Amino acid sequence: MTIRTLRRIVGAAIASTALALAFIPGIASAHAILESSSPEASALLASSPKEIRLDFDEQVEATLGDVRVYDSEQREVSKSNTVRSASDASVVTAKVSTLKNGVYVVVWRVVSADGHPVTGAFPFEIGTKSTGTSAALLEEVLNRTETTSPLGNPMSFFRLLGFLGLILLIGCVSLLWRSPLLGDSRVRKTMQYSSVLVAVSSLGLLLTQGPYTAGKSWGSLFDSVMIGDVLQTRLGLALFVRTICALAWGVIALTASASVSRRWRIGVIAAAVITITTYAASGHQSAGTLPGIFVPLDMIHLAAISTWVGALLVLAAIHRDNDVEIEAKRFSRMATWSMPVVVATGVVQGLHLMGGISNITQSSFGKLLLAKTLLVACVVLLGSKARGRLEASGFSSISKIIRWESTVVVLVLAVTSLMVAQSPNAKPAIPISFSATKVQNGIVAELSVVPAVVGTAEVHVILTPPGGSLTPAKSVTVQFDLPSRNIPPIPVKLTEIGPNHWIGIVQFPFSGAWNMNTRVSPAPNQTLLFSTVVTVQD
């Protein structure tokens, strides 16, 4: 491969990534999902908790995580690193300093098993009576503390370089396994450049993982403490091993020849298996359910796609100055079995990660999977057309199709690199506040519940006329009931805090569609009923 050809491939990769990034709203950071916490969100405690306990739906890493507690003045009053439970890898705890009575917000950060940061926050109170201010404090603390690292997109680019290097390496050795072209100088340079891509990708991800997880920027790239923490994670170990594999691939590239030894071939197989394992053992499938089944399936998927599209890219790079009729026919046979393997394993993995086809449009991961599927379908169609022409007219008749097919392949890799950064089970954010406007007899009632989640919530009722002042209402009452669980009306004690502005506190024991009935008496012997449905989330 000439330097000019390599530049074209890398240039296409950069353009593809930029194009894909333009249609992705951001890099997701929610992979493991918090199932429960102690204390619970919006809980009212009699005394200060000794620790914060977080229970997730999948394994999380022990390092790079922390828990911070903020008081009602938004001051950080406690910070502690997370410690993973010895008996349950999905549970972490963090010590808490002794807290006085008041309202507090917990802001936590952990790392899922596949290396992605997971963050969240929830309020709780200490005392004998809820103040009803926890939701407002939660919003204020999050607005002040929430930080997003700018390293997400650079990490996607590093992943793309790694995928490109991997498939070119395996494509070279699989296509030219018994071919004298294995000793061609351009083939050897292709392998050398590809091993450099894998090394740059591995080292780049190793350096950026810590700052990205902590929400920091480029200035923390060489923080030795963070690098040490990353190396203790599953992803960090995989990246370290992958770097060693890149060095091994460099040696393999330097010693490649038209006639190689049995030891060289064994080294190639070992390097290929170990390199592929570092991807599968640190990806989405390793953190999901049934990893013993889906990690090997992911390895088969990576091996098949490397054999297929990697060989295609190599063929496109070397055909101009070499007679590749034999290699082209070999590629045709390889694509015949690898193509359906790639499609089948990819579909099974995607559906497994998302929990079914019905969720495919509910997350960025699912939308990227659809885009990748369409692009792969284009590659399949172009490949089928090329094989038909190859049998009839030889390789010269398909050189243009090969170039188009290679371009689409690079797009597939760009989308794949973005999928790694997305959460398969993340849904679009749903507002946790509820508000509705109701009108009766010329009186406008602004009804709100903040937050509309299980636990403590504030209820606001604001009364105004459409075009003038309103005399103070004689009385205002609010009741909630949940028909799906046969829960009778729960009355809310309201306090008037301003002209026709009433506030109260309610405890929602369950999620669901709660009926909110507000009765307003604007004058003696007159009662107006404002009814709405409040969707309370878990």
Protein backbone atom coordinates (compact mmCIF):
# COMPACT_ATOMS: atom_id res chain seq x y z
CA MET A 1 0.00 0.00 0.00
CA THR A 2 1.40 3.40 -0.97
CA ILE A 3 1.37 6.37 1.37
CA ARG A 4 -1.08 8.00 -1.03
CA THR A 5 -3.47 5.07 -0.79
CA LEU A 6 -3.23 4.99 3.00
CA ARG A 7 -3.95 8.70 3.11
CA ARG A 8 -7.06 8.15 1.03
CA ILE A 9 -8.31 5.45 3.40
CA VAL A 10 -7.59 7.49 6.53
CA GLY A 11 -9.11 10.56 4.89
CA ALA A 12 -12.25 8.61 4.08
CA ALA A 13 -12.35 7.36 7.66
CA ILE A 14 -12.12 10.90 9.05
CA ALA A 15 -14.80 12.17 6.67
CA SER A 16 -17.06 9.23 7.52
CA THR A 17 -16.69 9.81 11.24
CA ALA A 18 -17.37 13.52 10.86
CA LEU A 19 -20.46 12.78 8.79
CA ALA A 20 -21.75 10.25 11.30
CA LEU A 21 -21.05 12.56 14.24
CA ALA A 22 -23.09 15.28 12.57
CA PHE A 23 -26.20 13.14 12.89
CA ILE A 24 -25.57 11.95 16.46
CA PRO A 25 -26.70 14.32 19.22
CA GLY A 26 -23.94 13.31 21.61
CA ILE A 27 -22.02 10.46 23.08
CA ALA A 28 -24.12 8.49 25.52
CA SER A 29 -22.85 7.84 29.01
CA ALA A 30 -25.54 5.55 30.33
CA HIS A 31 -24.82 1.83 30.05
CA ALA A 32 -25.32 0.30 33.47
CA ILE A 33 -28.70 1.38 34.90
CA LEU A 34 -29.24 2.17 38.57
CA GLU A 35 -31.93 -0.17 39.90
CA SER A 36 -32.02 0.97 43.53
CA SER A 37 -30.16 3.06 46.07
CA SER A 38 -29.88 3.38 49.82
CA PRO A 39 -31.08 5.85 50.86
CA GLU A 40 -33.81 5.84 48.25
CA ALA A 41 -34.43 8.88 46.09
CA SER A 42 -36.47 11.56 47.94
CA ALA A 43 -36.36 9.49 51.14
CA LEU A 44 -36.89 11.09 54.56
CA LEU A 45 -34.37 9.70 57.09
CA ALA A 46 -34.37 9.99 60.85
CA SER A 47 -30.56 10.17 61.04
CA SER A 48 -27.47 10.51 58.86
CA PRO A 49 -26.69 7.47 56.69
CA LYS A 50 -23.29 5.84 57.16
CA GLU A 51 -22.89 5.06 53.47
CA ILE A 52 -24.47 5.43 50.04
CA ARG A 53 -25.30 2.12 48.38
CA LEU A 54 -25.94 1.89 44.62
CA ASP A 55 -27.27 -1.26 42.96
CA PHE A 56 -27.05 -1.53 39.15
CA ASP A 57 -28.50 -3.93 36.58
CA GLU A 58 -25.05 -5.10 35.47
CA GLN A 59 -21.46 -5.26 36.72
CA VAL A 60 -19.60 -2.00 37.31
CA GLU A 61 -15.93 -1.28 37.87
CA ALA A 62 -14.47 -0.56 41.32
CA THR A 63 -12.18 2.27 40.24
CA LEU A 64 -12.75 5.72 38.72
CA GLY A 65 -16.07 6.14 40.55
CA ASP A 66 -17.02 8.52 43.35
CA VAL A 67 -20.01 9.76 45.34
CA ARG A 68 -20.42 13.41 46.35
CA VAL A 69 -23.01 14.84 48.73
CA TYR A 70 -24.18 18.47 48.55
CA ASP A 71 -26.16 20.34 51.20
CA SER A 72 -28.96 22.90 50.81
CA GLU A 73 -26.37 25.62 50.12
CA GLN A 74 -24.95 23.53 47.25
CA ARG A 75 -21.73 22.98 49.18
CA GLU A 76 -19.91 19.66 48.84
CA VAL A 77 -20.03 18.18 52.34
CA SER A 78 -18.84 14.64 51.57
CA LYS A 79 -16.83 12.92 48.85
CA SER A 80 -15.73 9.30 48.75
CA ASN A 81 -14.52 6.81 46.16
CA THR A 82 -16.81 3.93 45.34
CA VAL A 83 -16.01 0.42 46.57
CA ARG A 84 -17.44 -2.60 44.78
CA SER A 85 -19.16 -5.26 46.86
CA ALA A 86 -17.18 -8.47 47.30
CA SER A 87 -20.32 -10.59 46.86
CA ASP A 88 -22.08 -8.65 44.08
CA ALA A 89 -20.14 -6.90 41.29
CA SER A 90 -23.20 -4.80 40.41
CA VAL A 91 -23.24 -3.06 43.83
CA VAL A 92 -20.96 -0.24 44.99
CA THR A 93 -20.86 1.69 48.26
CA ALA A 94 -19.27 4.94 49.43
CA LYS A 95 -18.72 6.22 52.96
CA VAL A 96 -20.56 9.39 54.01
CA SER A 97 -19.54 11.96 56.60
CA THR A 98 -21.98 12.58 59.44
CA LEU A 99 -24.73 14.88 58.18
CA LYS A 100 -27.03 17.23 60.08
CA ASN A 101 -30.77 17.56 59.56
CA GLY A 102 -31.58 19.08 56.18
CA VAL A 103 -31.89 18.47 52.45
CA TYR A 104 -29.05 16.79 50.51
CA VAL A 105 -28.30 15.74 46.95
CA VAL A 106 -26.16 12.72 46.06
CA VAL A 107 -24.21 12.99 42.79
CA TRP A 108 -22.62 9.69 41.82
CA ARG A 109 -20.35 8.47 39.04
CA VAL A 110 -19.33 4.88 38.29
CA VAL A 111 -17.87 3.03 35.30
CA SER A 112 -19.77 0.19 33.66
CA ALA A 113 -17.96 -3.04 32.88
CA ASP A 114 -17.55 -2.05 29.22
CA GLY A 115 -15.67 1.11 30.23
CA HIS A 116 -18.36 3.77 29.87
CA PRO A 117 -19.06 6.35 32.59
CA VAL A 118 -22.48 6.29 34.24
CA THR A 119 -23.66 9.28 36.24
CA GLY A 120 -26.75 10.24 38.19
CA ALA A 121 -28.12 12.12 41.16
CA PHE A 122 -30.95 11.95 43.68
CA PRO A 123 -32.05 13.93 46.76
CA PHE A 124 -32.86 12.82 50.30
CA GLU A 125 -33.70 14.55 53.57
CA ILE A 126 -32.77 14.08 57.21
CA GLY A 127 -35.27 15.10 59.87
CA THR A 128 -38.84 14.52 61.01
CA LYS A 129 -40.69 16.44 58.26
CA SER A 130 -40.14 16.93 54.54
CA THR A 131 -39.41 20.48 53.42
CA GLY A 132 -40.55 19.92 49.84
CA THR A 133 -37.45 21.64 48.44
CA SER A 134 -35.46 18.57 47.38
CA ALA A 135 -36.51 18.75 43.72
CA ALA A 136 -35.43 22.38 43.37
CA LEU A 137 -32.09 21.65 45.09
CA LEU A 138 -31.51 18.67 42.81
CA GLU A 139 -31.94 20.84 39.73
CA GLU A 140 -29.66 23.57 41.11
CA VAL A 141 -26.89 21.11 42.03
CA LEU A 142 -27.03 19.35 38.66
CA ASN A 143 -26.92 22.64 36.76
CA ARG A 144 -23.81 23.59 38.71
CA THR A 145 -21.93 20.29 38.81
CA GLU A 146 -22.79 18.58 35.56
CA THR A 147 -19.74 18.38 33.28
CA THR A 148 -19.34 16.66 29.94
CA SER A 149 -15.90 15.72 28.69
CA PRO A 150 -14.95 16.92 25.19
CA LEU A 151 -13.08 13.65 24.66
CA GLY A 152 -16.08 11.57 23.57
CA ASN A 153 -15.76 12.24 19.85
CA PRO A 154 -11.94 11.89 19.78
CA MET A 155 -12.40 8.50 21.46
CA SER A 156 -14.79 7.46 18.68
CA PHE A 157 -12.10 8.39 16.18
CA PHE A 158 -9.51 6.31 18.07
CA ARG A 159 -11.94 3.38 17.98
CA LEU A 160 -12.33 3.82 14.23
CA LEU A 161 -8.55 3.69 13.75
CA GLY A 162 -8.45 0.50 15.82
CA PHE A 163 -11.20 -1.19 13.82
CA LEU A 164 -9.59 -0.14 10.55
CA GLY A 165 -6.18 -1.46 11.61
CA LEU A 166 -7.64 -4.74 12.85
CA ILE A 167 -9.60 -5.57 9.70
CA LEU A 168 -6.69 -4.61 7.43
CA LEU A 169 -4.32 -6.91 9.34
CA ILE A 170 -6.68 -9.88 9.35
CA GLY A 171 -7.75 -9.07 5.79
CA CYS A 172 -4.13 -9.26 4.61
CA VAL A 173 -3.29 -12.58 6.22
CA SER A 174 -6.64 -14.24 5.40
CA LEU A 175 -6.65 -13.18 1.74
CA LEU A 176 -2.95 -13.84 1.13
CA TRP A 177 -2.48 -16.85 3.44
CA ARG A 178 -0.89 -19.00 0.72
CA SER A 179 -0.23 -16.29 -1.86
CA PRO A 180 3.23 -15.14 -2.99
CA LEU A 181 1.85 -11.57 -2.75
CA LEU A 182 2.29 -11.86 1.02
CA GLY A 183 5.90 -10.85 0.43
CA ASP A 184 4.99 -7.85 -1.73
CA SER A 185 6.43 -4.62 -0.33
CA ARG A 186 3.08 -2.83 -0.46
CA VAL A 187 1.34 -5.62 1.38
CA ARG A 188 4.01 -5.54 4.07
CA LYS A 189 3.68 -1.76 4.35
CA THR A 190 -0.09 -2.15 4.63
CA MET A 191 0.41 -4.50 7.57
CA GLN A 192 2.99 -2.19 9.15
CA TYR A 193 0.73 0.86 8.87
CA SER A 194 -2.20 -1.17 10.18
CA SER A 195 -0.27 -2.29 13.25
CA VAL A 196 0.57 1.38 13.88
CA LEU A 197 -3.15 2.23 13.66
CA VAL A 198 -3.96 -0.42 16.29
CA ALA A 199 -1.17 0.87 18.54
CA VAL A 200 -2.25 4.52 18.20
CA SER A 201 -5.86 3.54 18.85
CA SER A 202 -5.00 1.52 21.97
CA LEU A 203 -2.71 4.14 23.49
CA GLY A 204 -5.12 6.95 22.61
CA LEU A 205 -8.05 5.19 24.29
CA LEU A 206 -5.89 4.30 27.29
CA LEU A 207 -4.95 7.97 27.82
CA THR A 208 -8.41 9.45 27.19
CA GLN A 209 -10.48 6.91 29.15
CA GLY A 210 -9.69 8.36 32.58
CA PRO A 211 -10.35 12.05 31.76
CA TYR A 212 -13.48 11.10 29.78
CA THR A 213 -14.86 9.11 32.69
CA ALA A 214 -14.15 11.92 35.17
CA GLY A 215 -15.67 14.56 32.90
CA LYS A 216 -12.30 16.28 32.37
CA SER A 217 -10.46 17.56 29.31
CA TRP A 218 -7.15 17.25 27.47
CA GLY A 219 -5.19 18.67 30.40
CA SER A 220 -5.65 15.42 32.34
CA LEU A 221 -4.48 13.21 29.48
CA PHE A 222 -1.22 12.20 31.17
CA ASP A 223 -2.49 12.03 34.74
CA SER A 224 -0.59 8.99 36.09
CA VAL A 225 -3.18 8.31 38.80
CA MET A 226 -5.99 8.15 36.24
CA ILE A 227 -3.95 5.95 33.93
CA GLY A 228 -3.28 3.60 36.85
CA ASP A 229 -7.00 3.52 37.69
CA VAL A 230 -7.87 2.76 34.06
CA LEU A 231 -5.39 -0.13 33.96
CA GLN A 232 -7.27 -1.73 36.86
CA THR A 233 -10.47 -1.91 34.81
CA ARG A 234 -11.44 -4.57 32.32
CA LEU A 235 -11.19 -2.10 29.44
CA GLY A 236 -7.80 -0.84 30.63
CA LEU A 237 -6.39 -4.37 30.74
CA ALA A 238 -7.81 -5.07 27.27
CA LEU A 239 -6.20 -1.91 25.87
CA PHE A 240 -2.84 -2.80 27.43
CA VAL A 241 -2.94 -6.31 25.93
CA ARG A 242 -4.04 -4.84 22.58
CA THR A 243 -1.00 -2.55 22.59
CA ILE A 244 1.25 -5.59 23.07
CA CYS A 245 -0.61 -7.28 20.20
CA ALA A 246 0.05 -4.25 18.00
CA LEU A 247 3.78 -4.70 18.62
CA ALA A 248 3.45 -8.39 17.75
CA TRP A 249 1.65 -7.48 14.53
CA GLY A 250 4.51 -5.12 13.71
CA VAL A 251 6.98 -8.00 13.98
CA ILE A 252 4.68 -10.19 11.87
CA ALA A 253 4.55 -7.46 9.20
CA LEU A 254 8.32 -7.07 9.12
CA THR A 255 8.89 -10.83 8.74
CA ALA A 256 6.17 -11.50 6.14
CA SER A 257 7.44 -13.05 2.91
CA ALA A 258 6.28 -15.08 -0.06
CA SER A 259 7.29 -18.21 1.82
CA VAL A 260 6.73 -18.04 5.57
CA SER A 261 7.38 -20.63 8.25
CA ARG A 262 4.88 -22.63 10.27
CA ARG A 263 5.94 -20.68 13.37
CA TRP A 264 5.04 -17.41 11.61
CA ARG A 265 1.56 -18.72 10.77
CA ILE A 266 1.00 -19.87 14.37
CA GLY A 267 2.04 -16.41 15.53
CA VAL A 268 -0.48 -14.83 13.16
CA ILE A 269 -3.32 -17.01 14.46
CA ALA A 270 -2.40 -16.31 18.09
CA ALA A 271 -2.14 -12.53 17.50
CA ALA A 272 -5.46 -12.47 15.64
CA VAL A 273 -7.34 -14.44 18.32
CA ILE A 274 -5.93 -12.39 21.22
CA THR A 275 -6.53 -9.05 19.47
CA ILE A 276 -10.14 -9.95 18.66
CA THR A 277 -10.63 -11.13 22.26
CA THR A 278 -9.56 -7.73 23.61
CA TYR A 279 -12.42 -6.13 21.67
CA ALA A 280 -15.11 -8.66 22.55
CA ALA A 281 -14.12 -9.04 26.22
CA SER A 282 -14.34 -5.30 26.88
CA GLY A 283 -17.39 -4.39 24.79
CA HIS A 284 -21.15 -4.24 25.27
CA GLN A 285 -21.58 -8.01 25.24
CA SER A 286 -19.12 -8.52 28.08
CA ALA A 287 -21.25 -6.32 30.35
CA GLY A 288 -24.64 -7.68 29.31
CA THR A 289 -26.46 -10.88 30.13
CA LEU A 290 -25.12 -14.30 29.08
CA PRO A 291 -21.56 -13.11 28.37
CA GLY A 292 -20.41 -16.74 28.07
CA ILE A 293 -22.50 -17.00 24.91
CA PHE A 294 -22.40 -13.52 23.44
CA VAL A 295 -18.70 -12.71 23.92
CA PRO A 296 -17.66 -15.71 21.74
CA LEU A 297 -20.43 -14.74 19.31
CA ASP A 298 -18.97 -11.22 19.16
CA MET A 299 -15.54 -12.70 18.46
CA ILE A 300 -16.98 -14.69 15.56
CA HIS A 301 -18.66 -11.52 14.29
CA LEU A 302 -15.40 -9.53 14.41
CA ALA A 303 -13.42 -12.33 12.78
CA ALA A 304 -15.97 -12.72 9.97
CA ILE A 305 -16.24 -9.00 9.25
CA SER A 306 -12.43 -8.66 9.30
CA THR A 307 -12.08 -11.56 6.88
CA TRP A 308 -14.74 -10.11 4.60
CA VAL A 309 -14.29 -6.34 4.49
CA GLY A 310 -10.62 -6.40 5.48
CA ALA A 311 -9.80 -8.58 2.50
CA LEU A 312 -11.93 -6.29 0.34
CA LEU A 313 -9.92 -3.20 1.36
CA VAL A 314 -6.64 -5.04 0.78
CA LEU A 315 -7.81 -6.16 -2.65
CA ALA A 316 -8.74 -2.58 -3.51
CA ALA A 317 -5.29 -1.36 -2.42
CA ILE A 318 -3.07 -3.87 -4.26
CA HIS A 319 -4.93 -4.64 -7.48
CA ARG A 320 -3.48 -1.78 -9.57
CA ASP A 321 0.10 -3.06 -9.64
CA ASN A 322 -0.46 -6.79 -9.21
CA ASP A 323 -2.22 -9.64 -10.95
CA VAL A 324 -4.91 -10.47 -8.39
CA GLU A 325 -7.18 -12.77 -10.41
CA ILE A 326 -6.48 -15.72 -8.06
CA GLU A 327 -6.82 -13.56 -4.95
CA ALA A 328 -10.08 -12.06 -6.24
CA LYS A 329 -11.60 -15.52 -6.67
CA ARG A 330 -10.38 -16.48 -3.22
CA PHE A 331 -12.03 -13.35 -1.82
CA SER A 332 -15.26 -14.27 -3.58
CA ARG A 333 -15.27 -17.65 -1.83
CA MET A 334 -14.40 -16.06 1.54
CA ALA A 335 -17.18 -13.49 1.20
CA THR A 336 -19.70 -16.20 0.37
CA TRP A 337 -19.49 -17.69 3.88
CA SER A 338 -18.33 -14.68 5.91
CA MET A 339 -21.07 -12.34 4.67
CA PRO A 340 -24.03 -14.31 6.09
CA VAL A 341 -22.08 -14.95 9.31
CA VAL A 342 -21.56 -11.20 9.77
CA VAL A 343 -25.23 -10.43 9.14
CA ALA A 344 -26.59 -13.22 11.35
CA THR A 345 -24.28 -12.60 14.32
CA GLY A 346 -24.75 -8.83 14.05
CA VAL A 347 -28.54 -9.05 14.09
CA VAL A 348 -28.59 -11.50 17.01
CA GLN A 349 -26.24 -9.33 19.07
CA GLY A 350 -28.14 -6.14 18.33
CA LEU A 351 -31.50 -7.59 19.30
CA HIS A 352 -29.99 -9.10 22.45
CA LEU A 353 -28.48 -5.81 23.59
CA MET A 354 -31.66 -3.79 22.95
CA GLY A 355 -34.09 -6.37 24.31
CA GLY A 356 -36.03 -6.85 21.07
CA ILE A 357 -36.74 -5.22 17.73
CA SER A 358 -39.50 -3.02 19.21
CA ASN A 359 -36.83 -0.90 20.95
CA ILE A 360 -34.71 -0.29 17.88
CA THR A 361 -35.92 3.28 17.29
CA GLN A 362 -35.89 4.25 20.98
CA SER A 363 -32.16 4.89 21.32
CA SER A 364 -29.22 6.27 19.37
CA PHE A 365 -27.68 2.78 19.45
CA GLY A 366 -30.75 1.33 17.71
CA LYS A 367 -30.77 4.07 15.07
CA LEU A 368 -27.08 3.51 14.41
CA LEU A 369 -27.75 -0.22 14.14
CA LEU A 370 -30.39 0.50 11.49
CA ALA A 371 -27.94 2.71 9.59
CA LYS A 372 -25.24 0.05 9.82
CA THR A 373 -27.67 -2.62 8.60
CA LEU A 374 -28.58 -0.54 5.55
CA LEU A 375 -24.92 0.11 4.76
CA VAL A 376 -24.08 -3.59 5.11
CA ALA A 377 -26.98 -4.37 2.78
CA CYS A 378 -25.40 -1.99 0.22
CA VAL A 379 -22.08 -3.82 0.58
CA VAL A 380 -23.85 -7.16 0.07
CA LEU A 381 -25.58 -5.92 -3.09
CA LEU A 382 -22.37 -4.47 -4.51
CA GLY A 383 -20.52 -7.67 -3.63
CA SER A 384 -23.13 -9.83 -5.36
CA LYS A 385 -22.90 -7.70 -8.47
CA ALA A 386 -19.09 -7.88 -8.40
CA ARG A 387 -19.03 -11.68 -8.07
CA GLY A 388 -21.32 -12.03 -11.08
CA ARG A 389 -19.05 -9.88 -13.23
CA LEU A 390 -15.90 -11.57 -11.90
CA GLU A 391 -17.03 -14.97 -13.12
CA ALA A 392 -17.98 -13.58 -16.54
CA SER A 393 -15.30 -10.98 -17.34
CA GLY A 394 -12.45 -11.20 -14.84
CA PHE A 395 -11.18 -8.80 -12.20
CA SER A 396 -10.71 -5.78 -14.47
CA SER A 397 -14.49 -5.51 -14.86
CA ILE A 398 -15.13 -5.06 -11.14
CA SER A 399 -12.38 -2.63 -10.10
CA LYS A 400 -14.83 0.30 -9.97
CA ILE A 401 -17.34 -1.70 -7.91
CA ILE A 402 -14.55 -2.66 -5.53
CA ARG A 403 -13.77 1.02 -4.93
CA TRP A 404 -17.42 1.83 -4.19
CA GLU A 405 -17.70 -1.20 -1.96
CA SER A 406 -14.59 -0.12 -0.03
CA THR A 407 -16.04 3.37 0.52
CA VAL A 408 -19.25 1.96 1.99
CA VAL A 409 -17.18 -0.37 4.19
CA VAL A 410 -15.37 2.61 5.72
CA LEU A 411 -18.78 4.15 6.47
CA VAL A 412 -19.78 0.90 8.20
CA LEU A 413 -16.67 1.12 10.37
CA ALA A 414 -17.41 4.76 11.24
CA VAL A 415 -20.92 3.86 12.36
CA THR A 416 -19.58 0.88 14.33
CA SER A 417 -17.10 3.09 16.19
CA LEU A 418 -19.99 5.35 17.22
CA MET A 419 -22.15 2.41 18.31
CA VAL A 420 -19.48 1.38 20.84
CA ALA A 421 -19.97 4.74 22.60
CA GLN A 422 -23.77 4.45 22.71
CA SER A 423 -25.91 2.67 25.26
CA PRO A 424 -28.04 -0.14 23.77
CA ASN A 425 -30.74 0.34 26.44
CA ALA A 426 -30.75 4.13 26.82
CA LYS A 427 -34.11 5.73 26.13
CA PRO A 428 -34.75 9.41 25.37
CA ALA A 429 -34.80 11.49 28.54
CA ILE A 430 -38.29 11.97 29.95
CA PRO A 431 -39.00 15.15 31.92
CA ILE A 432 -39.46 14.43 35.62
CA SER A 433 -41.73 17.42 36.19
CA PHE A 434 -45.42 17.65 35.33
CA SER A 435 -47.44 20.73 34.52
CA ALA A 436 -50.90 21.35 33.09
CA THR A 437 -53.17 24.33 32.51
CA LYS A 438 -56.92 23.98 33.11
CA VAL A 439 -59.69 26.55 32.69
CA GLN A 440 -63.07 26.66 34.47
CA ASN A 441 -65.52 29.58 34.44
CA GLY A 442 -62.85 32.01 33.28
CA ILE A 443 -60.36 30.93 35.97
CA VAL A 444 -57.02 29.51 34.83
CA ALA A 445 -55.39 26.92 37.09
CA GLU A 446 -51.69 26.18 36.61
CA LEU A 447 -51.10 22.74 38.14
CA SER A 448 -47.60 21.29 38.60
CA VAL A 449 -45.93 18.34 40.32
CA VAL A 450 -42.13 18.40 40.79
CA PRO A 451 -40.66 15.82 40.48
CA ALA A 452 -43.29 13.45 39.07
CA VAL A 453 -41.49 10.38 40.42
CA VAL A 454 -41.99 7.87 43.18
CA GLY A 455 -41.24 9.49 46.53
CA THR A 456 -41.66 13.05 47.79
CA ALA A 457 -42.97 15.68 45.37
CA GLU A 458 -44.06 19.30 45.50
CA VAL A 459 -47.55 20.24 44.34
CA HIS A 460 -48.19 23.78 43.09
CA VAL A 461 -51.55 25.36 42.29
CA ILE A 462 -51.53 28.88 40.80
CA LEU A 463 -54.84 30.58 40.00
CA THR A 464 -55.22 33.51 37.57
CA PRO A 465 -58.06 34.93 35.46
CA PRO A 466 -57.54 35.24 31.67
CA GLY A 467 -57.32 39.03 31.71
CA GLY A 468 -57.35 40.59 35.15
CA SER A 469 -56.81 40.21 38.86
CA LEU A 470 -58.47 37.51 40.92
CA THR A 471 -59.64 37.86 44.47
CA PRO A 472 -58.11 35.30 46.82
CA ALA A 473 -59.76 31.89 46.61
CA LYS A 474 -61.65 30.83 49.72
CA SER A 475 -60.12 27.36 49.69
CA VAL A 476 -58.08 24.99 47.53
CA THR A 477 -57.80 21.22 47.97
CA VAL A 478 -55.88 18.58 46.03
CA GLN A 479 -56.28 14.80 46.03
CA PHE A 480 -54.44 12.04 44.18
CA ASP A 481 -55.71 8.51 43.50
CA LEU A 482 -54.31 5.58 41.49
CA PRO A 483 -57.10 3.46 39.93
CA SER A 484 -54.72 0.78 38.58
CA ARG A 485 -53.78 -0.20 42.15
CA ASN A 486 -57.11 0.70 43.77
CA ILE A 487 -55.42 3.37 45.88
CA PRO A 488 -58.07 5.72 47.33
CA PRO A 489 -57.71 9.53 47.22
CA ILE A 490 -54.64 10.84 49.06
CA PRO A 491 -55.29 14.38 50.35
CA VAL A 492 -52.53 16.99 50.08
CA LYS A 493 -52.24 19.65 52.75
CA LEU A 494 -51.80 22.99 50.97
CA THR A 495 -50.31 26.25 52.20
CA GLU A 496 -50.83 29.60 50.49
CA ILE A 497 -47.39 31.14 49.95
CA GLY A 498 -48.54 34.05 47.77
CA PRO A 499 -51.64 35.55 46.15
CA ASN A 500 -53.50 32.47 44.87
CA HIS A 501 -50.30 30.41 44.89
CA TRP A 502 -50.72 27.23 46.91
CA ILE A 503 -48.06 24.61 47.64
CA GLY A 504 -48.14 21.18 49.26
CA ILE A 505 -46.15 17.95 49.68
CA VAL A 506 -47.28 14.50 48.50
CA GLN A 507 -45.71 11.06 48.81
CA PHE A 508 -46.16 8.83 45.74
CA PRO A 509 -45.75 5.17 46.81
CA PHE A 510 -46.04 3.76 43.27
CA SER A 511 -45.51 4.79 39.67
CA GLY A 512 -48.44 4.99 37.30
CA ALA A 513 -51.16 7.30 35.99
CA TRP A 514 -52.41 9.20 39.04
CA ASN A 515 -55.63 11.22 38.93
CA MET A 516 -55.11 14.74 40.27
CA ASN A 517 -58.35 16.41 41.37
CA THR A 518 -58.08 20.06 42.42
CA ARG A 519 -61.12 21.75 43.95
CA VAL A 520 -61.16 25.54 44.10
CA SER A 521 -63.75 27.69 45.90
CA PRO A 522 -63.42 31.20 44.38
CA ALA A 523 -66.50 32.38 46.27
CA PRO A 524 -68.91 31.07 48.93
CA ASN A 525 -71.15 28.25 47.66
CA GLN A 526 -69.06 27.87 44.49
CA THR A 527 -66.66 25.00 43.79
CA LEU A 528 -64.73 24.36 40.62
CA LEU A 529 -63.10 20.99 39.82
CA PHE A 530 -59.86 20.88 37.81
CA SER A 531 -58.96 17.29 36.88
CA THR A 532 -55.86 15.96 35.13
CA VAL A 533 -53.72 12.81 35.01
CA VAL A 534 -50.14 12.86 36.32
CA THR A 535 -47.77 10.17 35.05
CA VAL A 536 -45.50 9.27 37.95
CA GLN A 537 -42.25 7.51 36.98
CA ASP A 538 -40.06 5.11 38.93
